PDB file of all heavy atoms in Angstrom:
ATOM      1  N   PHE A   1     106.732 128.731 102.112  1.00  0.00           N
ATOM      2  CA  PHE A   1     107.554 128.072 101.071  1.00  0.00           C
ATOM      3  C   PHE A   1     107.800 126.609 101.420  1.00  0.00           C
ATOM      4  O   PHE A   1     108.324 126.258 102.514  1.00  0.00           O
ATOM      5  CB  PHE A   1     108.847 128.828 100.911  1.00  0.00           C
ATOM      6  CG  PHE A   1     109.566 128.542  99.648  1.00  0.00           C
ATOM      7  CD1 PHE A   1     108.945 127.970  98.500  1.00  0.00           C
ATOM      8  CD2 PHE A   1     110.923 129.030  99.434  1.00  0.00           C
ATOM      9  CE1 PHE A   1     109.874 127.850  97.360  1.00  0.00           C
ATOM     10  CE2 PHE A   1     111.732 128.806  98.408  1.00  0.00           C
ATOM     11  CZ  PHE A   1     111.151 128.191  97.338  1.00  0.00           C
ATOM     12  N   HIS A   2     107.453 125.719 100.407  1.00  0.00           N
ATOM     13  CA  HIS A   2     107.610 124.234 100.580  1.00  0.00           C
ATOM     14  C   HIS A   2     108.713 123.807  99.658  1.00  0.00           C
ATOM     15  O   HIS A   2     108.814 124.177  98.458  1.00  0.00           O
ATOM     16  CB  HIS A   2     106.403 123.602 100.217  1.00  0.00           C
ATOM     17  CG  HIS A   2     105.375 123.454 101.250  1.00  0.00           C
ATOM     18  ND1 HIS A   2     104.892 124.760 102.017  1.00  0.00           N
ATOM     19  CD2 HIS A   2     104.531 122.567 101.847  1.00  0.00           C
ATOM     20  CE1 HIS A   2     103.973 124.351 102.862  1.00  0.00           C
ATOM     21  NE2 HIS A   2     103.736 123.072 102.910  1.00  0.00           N
ATOM     22  N   GLY A   3     109.487 122.826 100.057  1.00  0.00           N
ATOM     23  CA  GLY A   3     110.451 122.159  99.267  1.00  0.00           C
ATOM     24  C   GLY A   3     110.494 120.631  99.588  1.00  0.00           C
ATOM     25  O   GLY A   3     110.187 120.204 100.740  1.00  0.00           O
ATOM     26  N   ARG A   4     110.762 119.850  98.526  1.00  0.00           N
ATOM     27  CA  ARG A   4     110.809 118.339  98.788  1.00  0.00           C
ATOM     28  C   ARG A   4     111.975 117.802  98.098  1.00  0.00           C
ATOM     29  O   ARG A   4     112.034 117.910  96.795  1.00  0.00           O
ATOM     30  CB  ARG A   4     109.564 117.630  98.361  1.00  0.00           C
ATOM     31  CG  ARG A   4     109.547 116.197  98.710  1.00  0.00           C
ATOM     32  CD  ARG A   4     108.205 115.380  98.476  1.00  0.00           C
ATOM     33  NE  ARG A   4     107.696 115.729  97.135  1.00  0.00           N
ATOM     34  CZ  ARG A   4     106.368 115.557  96.856  1.00  0.00           C
ATOM     35  NH1 ARG A   4     105.446 115.270  97.770  1.00  0.00           N
ATOM     36  NH2 ARG A   4     105.988 115.790  95.636  1.00  0.00           N
ATOM     37  N   TYR A   5     112.868 117.004  98.804  1.00  0.00           N
ATOM     38  CA  TYR A   5     113.842 116.263  98.156  1.00  0.00           C
ATOM     39  C   TYR A   5     113.269 115.013  97.435  1.00  0.00           C
ATOM     40  O   TYR A   5     112.144 114.512  97.761  1.00  0.00           O
ATOM     41  CB  TYR A   5     114.892 115.869  99.212  1.00  0.00           C
ATOM     42  CG  TYR A   5     115.883 117.050  99.400  1.00  0.00           C
ATOM     43  CD1 TYR A   5     115.828 117.793 100.565  1.00  0.00           C
ATOM     44  CD2 TYR A   5     116.942 117.292  98.550  1.00  0.00           C
ATOM     45  CE1 TYR A   5     116.694 118.831 100.760  1.00  0.00           C
ATOM     46  CE2 TYR A   5     117.765 118.381  98.733  1.00  0.00           C
ATOM     47  CZ  TYR A   5     117.581 119.098  99.889  1.00  0.00           C
ATOM     48  OH  TYR A   5     118.503 120.106 100.147  1.00  0.00           O
ATOM     49  N   ASP A   6     113.978 114.461  96.511  1.00  0.00           N
ATOM     50  CA  ASP A   6     113.395 113.205  95.745  1.00  0.00           C
ATOM     51  C   ASP A   6     113.269 112.074  96.649  1.00  0.00           C
ATOM     52  O   ASP A   6     112.574 111.120  96.246  1.00  0.00           O
ATOM     53  CB  ASP A   6     114.296 112.965  94.487  1.00  0.00           C
ATOM     54  CG  ASP A   6     115.658 112.791  94.682  1.00  0.00           C
ATOM     55  OD1 ASP A   6     116.183 112.770  95.815  1.00  0.00           O
ATOM     56  OD2 ASP A   6     116.400 112.580  93.715  1.00  0.00           O
ATOM     57  N   ASP A   7     113.880 112.057  97.922  1.00  0.00           N
ATOM     58  CA  ASP A   7     113.767 111.029  98.804  1.00  0.00           C
ATOM     59  C   ASP A   7     112.504 111.146  99.692  1.00  0.00           C
ATOM     60  O   ASP A   7     112.154 110.336 100.496  1.00  0.00           O
ATOM     61  CB  ASP A   7     114.934 110.700  99.656  1.00  0.00           C
ATOM     62  CG  ASP A   7     115.250 111.907 100.615  1.00  0.00           C
ATOM     63  OD1 ASP A   7     114.449 112.982 100.558  1.00  0.00           O
ATOM     64  OD2 ASP A   7     116.248 111.789 101.343  1.00  0.00           O
ATOM     65  N   GLY A   8     111.696 112.222  99.337  1.00  0.00           N
ATOM     66  CA  GLY A   8     110.567 112.587 100.198  1.00  0.00           C
ATOM     67  C   GLY A   8     110.610 113.533 101.301  1.00  0.00           C
ATOM     68  O   GLY A   8     109.666 114.018 101.850  1.00  0.00           O
ATOM     69  N   GLU A   9     111.867 113.751 101.780  1.00  0.00           N
ATOM     70  CA  GLU A   9     112.149 114.726 102.785  1.00  0.00           C
ATOM     71  C   GLU A   9     111.554 116.121 102.532  1.00  0.00           C
ATOM     72  O   GLU A   9     111.900 116.700 101.532  1.00  0.00           O
ATOM     73  CB  GLU A   9     113.594 114.778 103.152  1.00  0.00           C
ATOM     74  CG  GLU A   9     113.961 115.900 104.213  1.00  0.00           C
ATOM     75  CD  GLU A   9     115.414 116.102 104.458  1.00  0.00           C
ATOM     76  OE1 GLU A   9     116.268 115.649 103.731  1.00  0.00           O
ATOM     77  OE2 GLU A   9     115.646 116.990 105.278  1.00  0.00           O
ATOM     78  N   MET A  10     110.706 116.770 103.351  1.00  0.00           N
ATOM     79  CA  MET A  10     110.101 118.028 103.159  1.00  0.00           C
ATOM     80  C   MET A  10     110.942 118.995 103.987  1.00  0.00           C
ATOM     81  O   MET A  10     111.427 118.689 105.130  1.00  0.00           O
ATOM     82  CB  MET A  10     108.691 117.979 103.619  1.00  0.00           C
ATOM     83  CG  MET A  10     107.728 117.190 102.847  1.00  0.00           C
ATOM     84  SD  MET A  10     107.453 117.711 101.118  1.00  0.00           S
ATOM     85  CE  MET A  10     106.819 119.398 101.459  1.00  0.00           C
ATOM     86  N   ILE A  11     111.072 120.217 103.417  1.00  0.00           N
ATOM     87  CA  ILE A  11     111.765 121.313 104.051  1.00  0.00           C
ATOM     88  C   ILE A  11     110.747 122.553 103.935  1.00  0.00           C
ATOM     89  O   ILE A  11     110.002 122.584 102.956  1.00  0.00           O
ATOM     90  CB  ILE A  11     113.150 121.579 103.737  1.00  0.00           C
ATOM     91  CG1 ILE A  11     113.200 122.041 102.204  1.00  0.00           C
ATOM     92  CG2 ILE A  11     114.151 120.593 104.281  1.00  0.00           C
ATOM     93  CD1 ILE A  11     114.655 122.179 101.812  1.00  0.00           C
ATOM     94  N   PHE A  12     110.819 123.534 104.831  1.00  0.00           N
ATOM     95  CA  PHE A  12     109.881 124.544 104.744  1.00  0.00           C
ATOM     96  C   PHE A  12     110.513 125.925 105.067  1.00  0.00           C
ATOM     97  O   PHE A  12     111.568 126.037 105.671  1.00  0.00           O
ATOM     98  CB  PHE A  12     108.761 124.405 105.795  1.00  0.00           C
ATOM     99  CG  PHE A  12     108.037 123.076 105.650  1.00  0.00           C
ATOM    100  CD1 PHE A  12     108.407 121.927 106.368  1.00  0.00           C
ATOM    101  CD2 PHE A  12     107.056 122.908 104.658  1.00  0.00           C
ATOM    102  CE1 PHE A  12     107.809 120.720 106.203  1.00  0.00           C
ATOM    103  CE2 PHE A  12     106.405 121.735 104.589  1.00  0.00           C
ATOM    104  CZ  PHE A  12     106.781 120.652 105.313  1.00  0.00           C
ATOM    105  N   GLY A  13     109.804 126.976 104.531  1.00  0.00           N
ATOM    106  CA  GLY A  13     110.189 128.333 104.810  1.00  0.00           C
ATOM    107  C   GLY A  13     111.522 128.749 104.315  1.00  0.00           C
ATOM    108  O   GLY A  13     112.030 128.326 103.197  1.00  0.00           O
ATOM    109  N   LEU A  14     112.365 129.525 105.006  1.00  0.00           N
ATOM    110  CA  LEU A  14     113.556 129.996 104.637  1.00  0.00           C
ATOM    111  C   LEU A  14     114.512 128.867 104.357  1.00  0.00           C
ATOM    112  O   LEU A  14     115.532 128.988 103.528  1.00  0.00           O
ATOM    113  CB  LEU A  14     114.173 131.009 105.752  1.00  0.00           C
ATOM    114  CG  LEU A  14     115.433 131.708 105.333  1.00  0.00           C
ATOM    115  CD1 LEU A  14     115.233 132.551 104.087  1.00  0.00           C
ATOM    116  CD2 LEU A  14     115.717 132.745 106.489  1.00  0.00           C
ATOM    117  N   ASP A  15     114.300 127.758 105.001  1.00  0.00           N
ATOM    118  CA  ASP A  15     115.291 126.561 104.818  1.00  0.00           C
ATOM    119  C   ASP A  15     115.298 126.239 103.385  1.00  0.00           C
ATOM    120  O   ASP A  15     116.274 125.743 102.815  1.00  0.00           O
ATOM    121  CB  ASP A  15     114.875 125.350 105.744  1.00  0.00           C
ATOM    122  CG  ASP A  15     115.254 125.566 107.168  1.00  0.00           C
ATOM    123  OD1 ASP A  15     116.216 126.372 107.458  1.00  0.00           O
ATOM    124  OD2 ASP A  15     114.686 124.892 108.064  1.00  0.00           O
ATOM    125  N   VAL A  16     114.161 126.294 102.655  1.00  0.00           N
ATOM    126  CA  VAL A  16     114.034 125.929 101.257  1.00  0.00           C
ATOM    127  C   VAL A  16     114.938 126.871 100.452  1.00  0.00           C
ATOM    128  O   VAL A  16     115.732 126.287  99.646  1.00  0.00           O
ATOM    129  CB  VAL A  16     112.692 126.041 100.761  1.00  0.00           C
ATOM    130  CG1 VAL A  16     112.483 125.532  99.350  1.00  0.00           C
ATOM    131  CG2 VAL A  16     111.706 125.219 101.609  1.00  0.00           C
ATOM    132  N   SER A  17     114.926 128.073 100.674  1.00  0.00           N
ATOM    133  CA  SER A  17     115.771 129.103  99.966  1.00  0.00           C
ATOM    134  C   SER A  17     117.224 128.709 100.241  1.00  0.00           C
ATOM    135  O   SER A  17     118.036 128.716  99.282  1.00  0.00           O
ATOM    136  CB  SER A  17     115.441 130.449 100.307  1.00  0.00           C
ATOM    137  OG  SER A  17     114.221 130.885  99.690  1.00  0.00           O
ATOM    138  N   ILE A  18     117.565 128.527 101.475  1.00  0.00           N
ATOM    139  CA  ILE A  18     118.920 128.315 101.890  1.00  0.00           C
ATOM    140  C   ILE A  18     119.454 127.006 101.117  1.00  0.00           C
ATOM    141  O   ILE A  18     120.572 126.976 100.476  1.00  0.00           O
ATOM    142  CB  ILE A  18     119.116 128.159 103.346  1.00  0.00           C
ATOM    143  CG1 ILE A  18     118.951 129.683 103.943  1.00  0.00           C
ATOM    144  CG2 ILE A  18     120.449 127.642 103.742  1.00  0.00           C
ATOM    145  CD1 ILE A  18     118.733 129.694 105.388  1.00  0.00           C
ATOM    146  N   HIS A  19     118.688 125.897 101.187  1.00  0.00           N
ATOM    147  CA  HIS A  19     119.084 124.648 100.525  1.00  0.00           C
ATOM    148  C   HIS A  19     119.256 124.927  99.052  1.00  0.00           C
ATOM    149  O   HIS A  19     120.255 124.533  98.454  1.00  0.00           O
ATOM    150  CB  HIS A  19     118.116 123.522 100.848  1.00  0.00           C
ATOM    151  CG  HIS A  19     118.202 122.963 102.219  1.00  0.00           C
ATOM    152  ND1 HIS A  19     118.388 121.684 102.465  1.00  0.00           N
ATOM    153  CD2 HIS A  19     118.229 123.579 103.510  1.00  0.00           C
ATOM    154  CE1 HIS A  19     118.400 121.398 103.632  1.00  0.00           C
ATOM    155  NE2 HIS A  19     118.263 122.572 104.294  1.00  0.00           N
ATOM    156  N   ALA A  20     118.356 125.567  98.393  1.00  0.00           N
ATOM    157  CA  ALA A  20     118.380 125.712  96.940  1.00  0.00           C
ATOM    158  C   ALA A  20     119.556 126.655  96.598  1.00  0.00           C
ATOM    159  O   ALA A  20     120.230 126.205  95.602  1.00  0.00           O
ATOM    160  CB  ALA A  20     117.006 126.456  96.472  1.00  0.00           C
ATOM    161  N   TRP A  21     119.925 127.716  97.271  1.00  0.00           N
ATOM    162  CA  TRP A  21     121.003 128.467  96.937  1.00  0.00           C
ATOM    163  C   TRP A  21     122.278 127.754  97.170  1.00  0.00           C
ATOM    164  O   TRP A  21     123.257 127.907  96.577  1.00  0.00           O
ATOM    165  CB  TRP A  21     120.941 129.834  97.651  1.00  0.00           C
ATOM    166  CG  TRP A  21     120.046 130.818  96.994  1.00  0.00           C
ATOM    167  CD1 TRP A  21     118.797 131.152  97.552  1.00  0.00           C
ATOM    168  CD2 TRP A  21     120.089 131.401  95.751  1.00  0.00           C
ATOM    169  NE1 TRP A  21     118.154 132.015  96.736  1.00  0.00           N
ATOM    170  CE2 TRP A  21     118.988 132.152  95.549  1.00  0.00           C
ATOM    171  CE3 TRP A  21     121.036 131.372  94.796  1.00  0.00           C
ATOM    172  CZ2 TRP A  21     118.619 132.968  94.485  1.00  0.00           C
ATOM    173  CZ3 TRP A  21     120.782 132.113  93.578  1.00  0.00           C
ATOM    174  CH2 TRP A  21     119.706 132.837  93.411  1.00  0.00           C
ATOM    175  N   ASN A  22     122.269 126.876  98.127  1.00  0.00           N
ATOM    176  CA  ASN A  22     123.443 126.023  98.464  1.00  0.00           C
ATOM    177  C   ASN A  22     123.706 125.085  97.328  1.00  0.00           C
ATOM    178  O   ASN A  22     124.779 124.901  96.832  1.00  0.00           O
ATOM    179  CB  ASN A  22     123.182 125.321  99.829  1.00  0.00           C
ATOM    180  CG  ASN A  22     124.503 124.523 100.148  1.00  0.00           C
ATOM    181  OD1 ASN A  22     125.648 125.154 100.252  1.00  0.00           O
ATOM    182  ND2 ASN A  22     124.412 123.327 100.408  1.00  0.00           N
ATOM    183  N   ILE A  23     122.567 124.508  96.718  1.00  0.00           N
ATOM    184  CA  ILE A  23     122.637 123.552  95.644  1.00  0.00           C
ATOM    185  C   ILE A  23     123.313 124.141  94.434  1.00  0.00           C
ATOM    186  O   ILE A  23     124.034 123.513  93.871  1.00  0.00           O
ATOM    187  CB  ILE A  23     121.285 122.911  95.357  1.00  0.00           C
ATOM    188  CG1 ILE A  23     120.921 122.068  96.351  1.00  0.00           C
ATOM    189  CG2 ILE A  23     121.194 122.268  93.968  1.00  0.00           C
ATOM    190  CD1 ILE A  23     119.470 121.459  96.435  1.00  0.00           C
ATOM    191  N   VAL A  24     122.981 125.456  94.160  1.00  0.00           N
ATOM    192  CA  VAL A  24     123.472 126.099  93.047  1.00  0.00           C
ATOM    193  C   VAL A  24     124.781 126.766  93.308  1.00  0.00           C
ATOM    194  O   VAL A  24     125.394 127.392  92.312  1.00  0.00           O
ATOM    195  CB  VAL A  24     122.511 127.094  92.281  1.00  0.00           C
ATOM    196  CG1 VAL A  24     121.214 126.369  91.821  1.00  0.00           C
ATOM    197  CG2 VAL A  24     122.180 128.262  93.168  1.00  0.00           C
ATOM    198  N   GLY A  25     125.215 126.677  94.521  1.00  0.00           N
ATOM    199  CA  GLY A  25     126.580 127.236  94.820  1.00  0.00           C
ATOM    200  C   GLY A  25     126.728 128.654  94.991  1.00  0.00           C
ATOM    201  O   GLY A  25     127.788 129.368  94.835  1.00  0.00           O
ATOM    202  N   LYS A  26     125.705 129.365  95.206  1.00  0.00           N
ATOM    203  CA  LYS A  26     125.429 130.894  95.311  1.00  0.00           C
ATOM    204  C   LYS A  26     124.885 131.256  96.721  1.00  0.00           C
ATOM    205  O   LYS A  26     124.298 130.502  97.355  1.00  0.00           O
ATOM    206  CB  LYS A  26     124.752 131.467  94.161  1.00  0.00           C
ATOM    207  CG  LYS A  26     125.136 131.103  92.814  1.00  0.00           C
ATOM    208  CD  LYS A  26     126.493 131.904  92.700  1.00  0.00           C
ATOM    209  CE  LYS A  26     127.122 131.685  91.353  1.00  0.00           C
ATOM    210  NZ  LYS A  26     128.356 132.300  91.086  1.00  0.00           N
ATOM    211  N   HIS A  27     125.298 132.504  97.020  1.00  0.00           N
ATOM    212  CA  HIS A  27     124.860 133.169  98.156  1.00  0.00           C
ATOM    213  C   HIS A  27     124.994 132.320  99.517  1.00  0.00           C
ATOM    214  O   HIS A  27     124.086 132.159 100.259  1.00  0.00           O
ATOM    215  CB  HIS A  27     123.269 133.472  98.012  1.00  0.00           C
ATOM    216  CG  HIS A  27     122.982 134.427  96.805  1.00  0.00           C
ATOM    217  ND1 HIS A  27     123.538 135.641  96.774  1.00  0.00           N
ATOM    218  CD2 HIS A  27     122.037 134.232  95.906  1.00  0.00           C
ATOM    219  CE1 HIS A  27     123.094 136.208  95.639  1.00  0.00           C
ATOM    220  NE2 HIS A  27     122.150 135.325  95.046  1.00  0.00           N
ATOM    221  N   LYS A  28     126.200 131.776  99.621  1.00  0.00           N
ATOM    222  CA  LYS A  28     126.607 131.059 100.855  1.00  0.00           C
ATOM    223  C   LYS A  28     126.325 131.914 102.136  1.00  0.00           C
ATOM    224  O   LYS A  28     126.142 131.242 103.194  1.00  0.00           O
ATOM    225  CB  LYS A  28     127.907 130.467 100.663  1.00  0.00           C
ATOM    226  CG  LYS A  28     127.981 129.469  99.551  1.00  0.00           C
ATOM    227  CD  LYS A  28     129.364 128.788  99.529  1.00  0.00           C
ATOM    228  CE  LYS A  28     129.422 127.884  98.392  1.00  0.00           C
ATOM    229  NZ  LYS A  28     128.590 126.786  98.183  1.00  0.00           N
ATOM    230  N   TRP A  29     126.435 133.134 101.980  1.00  0.00           N
ATOM    231  CA  TRP A  29     126.259 134.076 103.256  1.00  0.00           C
ATOM    232  C   TRP A  29     124.817 133.856 103.814  1.00  0.00           C
ATOM    233  O   TRP A  29     124.664 134.150 105.016  1.00  0.00           O
ATOM    234  CB  TRP A  29     126.484 135.492 102.880  1.00  0.00           C
ATOM    235  CG  TRP A  29     125.451 136.041 101.749  1.00  0.00           C
ATOM    236  CD1 TRP A  29     125.728 136.066 100.452  1.00  0.00           C
ATOM    237  CD2 TRP A  29     124.238 136.367 102.052  1.00  0.00           C
ATOM    238  NE1 TRP A  29     124.618 136.423  99.754  1.00  0.00           N
ATOM    239  CE2 TRP A  29     123.643 136.694 100.684  1.00  0.00           C
ATOM    240  CE3 TRP A  29     123.401 136.644 103.145  1.00  0.00           C
ATOM    241  CZ2 TRP A  29     122.359 137.234 100.472  1.00  0.00           C
ATOM    242  CZ3 TRP A  29     122.108 137.167 102.935  1.00  0.00           C
ATOM    243  CH2 TRP A  29     121.581 137.445 101.579  1.00  0.00           C
ATOM    244  N   ILE A  30     123.833 133.468 103.011  1.00  0.00           N
ATOM    245  CA  ILE A  30     122.510 133.342 103.583  1.00  0.00           C
ATOM    246  C   ILE A  30     122.336 132.369 104.660  1.00  0.00           C
ATOM    247  O   ILE A  30     121.547 132.470 105.566  1.00  0.00           O
ATOM    248  CB  ILE A  30     121.480 133.033 102.390  1.00  0.00           C
ATOM    249  CG1 ILE A  30     120.147 133.348 102.639  1.00  0.00           C
ATOM    250  CG2 ILE A  30     121.575 131.512 101.975  1.00  0.00           C
ATOM    251  CD1 ILE A  30     119.163 133.308 101.577  1.00  0.00           C
ATOM    252  N   ARG A  31     123.352 131.438 104.893  1.00  0.00           N
ATOM    253  CA  ARG A  31     123.314 130.476 105.854  1.00  0.00           C
ATOM    254  C   ARG A  31     123.369 131.039 107.259  1.00  0.00           C
ATOM    255  O   ARG A  31     122.967 130.483 108.250  1.00  0.00           O
ATOM    256  CB  ARG A  31     124.489 129.441 105.724  1.00  0.00           C
ATOM    257  CG  ARG A  31     124.375 128.475 104.584  1.00  0.00           C
ATOM    258  CD  ARG A  31     125.412 127.560 104.671  1.00  0.00           C
ATOM    259  NE  ARG A  31     125.907 127.233 103.298  1.00  0.00           N
ATOM    260  CZ  ARG A  31     127.014 126.950 102.871  1.00  0.00           C
ATOM    261  NH1 ARG A  31     128.033 126.878 103.726  1.00  0.00           N
ATOM    262  NH2 ARG A  31     127.254 126.745 101.557  1.00  0.00           N
TER     263      ARG A  31
END
């Protein structure tokens, strides 16, 4: 799994899911 912030920073794997769920304010336990 790949993710990219609008500043160009890339994140990968489970970190993408964790960042995404954090952004929407859900599933904080996943951290």
